[in-house]
Protein backbone atom coordinates (compact mmCIF):
# COMPACT_ATOMS: atom_id res chain seq x y z
CA MET A 1 -0.07 0.01 0.08
CA LEU A 2 1.20 3.18 -1.20
CA LYS A 3 1.98 5.77 2.18
CA GLU A 4 3.81 8.82 2.61
CA ALA A 5 5.33 10.65 -0.45
CA HIS A 6 8.30 12.86 -1.13
CA THR A 7 9.33 15.27 -3.03
CA VAL A 8 12.76 14.79 -5.10
CA LEU A 9 14.32 17.84 -7.02
CA PRO A 10 17.19 17.98 -9.36
CA ALA A 11 20.05 20.39 -9.23
CA LYS A 12 22.87 20.65 -11.84
CA ASP A 13 24.92 21.82 -8.75
CA LEU A 14 24.61 20.27 -5.45
CA GLN A 15 26.90 22.64 -3.54
CA ARG A 16 25.26 25.48 -5.12
CA ALA A 17 21.88 24.59 -4.29
CA ARG A 18 22.52 23.68 -1.14
CA GLN A 19 23.77 27.23 -0.75
CA TYR A 20 20.57 28.70 -1.74
CA TYR A 21 18.52 26.68 0.43
CA HIS A 22 20.73 27.80 3.10
CA ASP A 23 21.21 31.39 2.14
CA LYS A 24 17.66 32.18 0.77
CA LEU A 25 15.08 29.89 2.68
CA GLY A 26 17.42 29.25 5.83
CA LEU A 27 17.55 25.51 5.20
CA ASP A 28 19.92 22.74 6.00
CA PRO A 29 20.12 19.43 5.24
CA ASP A 30 19.52 16.76 7.62
CA GLN A 31 21.07 14.24 5.71
CA GLU A 32 23.90 13.67 3.39
CA HIS A 33 24.70 10.73 0.91
CA GLU A 34 27.31 11.26 -2.48
CA GLY A 35 25.09 13.29 -4.70
CA LEU A 36 21.97 13.75 -2.78
CA VAL A 37 20.90 15.81 0.47
CA THR A 38 17.58 15.42 2.39
CA TYR A 39 15.58 18.51 4.06
CA HIS A 40 13.21 18.33 6.71
CA THR A 41 10.76 20.15 7.24
CA ASP A 42 8.84 21.63 10.39
CA GLY A 43 5.53 19.95 9.00
CA GLY A 44 7.17 16.03 8.81
CA THR A 45 7.53 15.68 5.44
CA TYR A 46 10.90 16.26 3.79
CA PHE A 47 12.54 16.46 0.26
CA ASP A 48 15.70 15.55 -1.44
CA LEU A 49 17.89 17.53 -3.47
CA TYR A 50 20.04 14.88 -6.07
CA GLU A 51 22.82 16.17 -8.51
CA THR A 52 21.92 15.46 -12.02
CA PRO A 53 22.83 17.30 -15.32
CA ASN A 54 18.87 17.24 -15.84
CA ALA A 55 18.04 20.00 -13.63
CA GLY A 56 16.25 23.16 -14.56
CA THR A 57 14.21 21.23 -17.76
CA ALA A 58 10.88 21.25 -16.28
CA GLN A 59 8.34 24.15 -16.79
CA ASN A 60 5.84 23.03 -14.12
CA THR A 61 5.70 23.81 -10.03
CA GLN A 62 7.79 21.22 -8.97
CA MET A 63 7.49 21.77 -4.82
CA CYS A 64 5.15 24.07 -2.39
CA TRP A 65 5.26 24.90 1.00
CA SER A 66 2.02 25.63 3.19
CA THR A 67 2.18 29.41 4.69
CA ASP A 68 -0.81 30.61 7.01
CA ASP A 69 -0.10 34.57 6.02
CA ILE A 70 1.85 34.67 2.12
CA GLU A 71 2.51 38.24 2.34
CA ALA A 72 4.80 37.88 5.98
CA GLU A 73 6.55 34.85 4.42
CA MET A 74 7.55 36.73 0.52
CA ARG A 75 8.50 39.55 2.66
CA GLN A 76 11.24 37.50 4.55
CA LEU A 77 11.68 35.56 1.50
CA ARG A 78 12.52 38.68 -0.28
CA GLU A 79 14.83 39.75 2.88
CA HIS A 80 16.91 37.38 1.60
CA GLY A 81 17.00 37.40 -1.99
CA VAL A 82 14.48 35.57 -3.42
CA VAL A 83 12.44 36.88 -6.32
CA PHE A 84 8.97 35.97 -7.26
CA GLU A 85 8.04 35.01 -10.57
CA ASP A 86 5.03 37.70 -12.00
CA TYR A 87 2.40 35.81 -14.61
CA ASP A 88 -0.10 37.85 -16.46
CA VAL A 89 -1.09 34.84 -18.97
CA PRO A 90 -4.92 33.41 -19.64
CA GLY A 91 -6.24 32.14 -16.42
CA LEU A 92 -2.80 32.78 -14.49
CA LYS A 93 -2.81 36.94 -13.09
CA THR A 94 -0.16 37.64 -10.32
CA VAL A 95 -0.70 41.15 -8.44
CA ASP A 96 2.69 41.74 -6.13
CA GLY A 97 3.72 38.50 -7.20
CA ILE A 98 0.55 36.45 -6.12
CA ALA A 99 -2.13 34.64 -7.60
CA THR A 100 -5.43 34.50 -6.00
CA ASP A 101 -8.19 32.09 -6.39
CA ALA A 102 -11.21 31.17 -4.15
CA ASP A 103 -9.38 28.90 -2.62
CA MET A 104 -6.02 29.90 -2.37
CA ARG A 105 -3.23 32.55 -3.17
CA THR A 106 0.29 31.15 -4.40
CA ALA A 107 3.26 32.96 -5.13
CA TRP A 108 5.84 30.81 -7.11
CA PHE A 109 10.07 31.59 -7.38
CA ARG A 110 12.91 29.22 -8.68
CA ASP A 111 15.74 28.21 -6.93
CA SER A 112 19.47 28.28 -8.21
CA GLU A 113 18.89 25.12 -10.32
CA GLY A 114 15.91 26.26 -12.17
CA ASN A 115 13.26 24.60 -10.08
CA PHE A 116 10.01 25.94 -10.06
CA LEU A 117 8.90 26.11 -6.08
CA CYS A 118 6.11 27.95 -4.70
CA VAL A 119 4.54 29.19 -1.44
CA THR A 120 0.70 29.04 -0.90
CA GLN A 121 -1.76 29.94 1.40
CA MET A 122 -5.48 28.34 1.51
CA LEU A 123 -8.37 30.74 2.45
């Protein structure tokens, strides 16, 4: 039976990615193996970064964090140099980096490896 799932993100340069996650997101790995690092979150989930030349090729959201206050979260991330994406395409428009629909507010950014990450606040 399938149980808990976790995210695995690619990194062309694992050391550069580790530095980004430390400096910009305030995260440090809990486990390290050859070519792989693992981060555990406060919510009990975890994600891996692994080294591969295929990093940065996805054009979709690859991982998302939940927050109770998206503006405060974005303010803190911006203070650490995170740049949020802006969209104005059919079905998706951001205002100050945030897309809002009936159920949630979401903001996207890319990490040092080109992975699309997001922060979401449920309404």
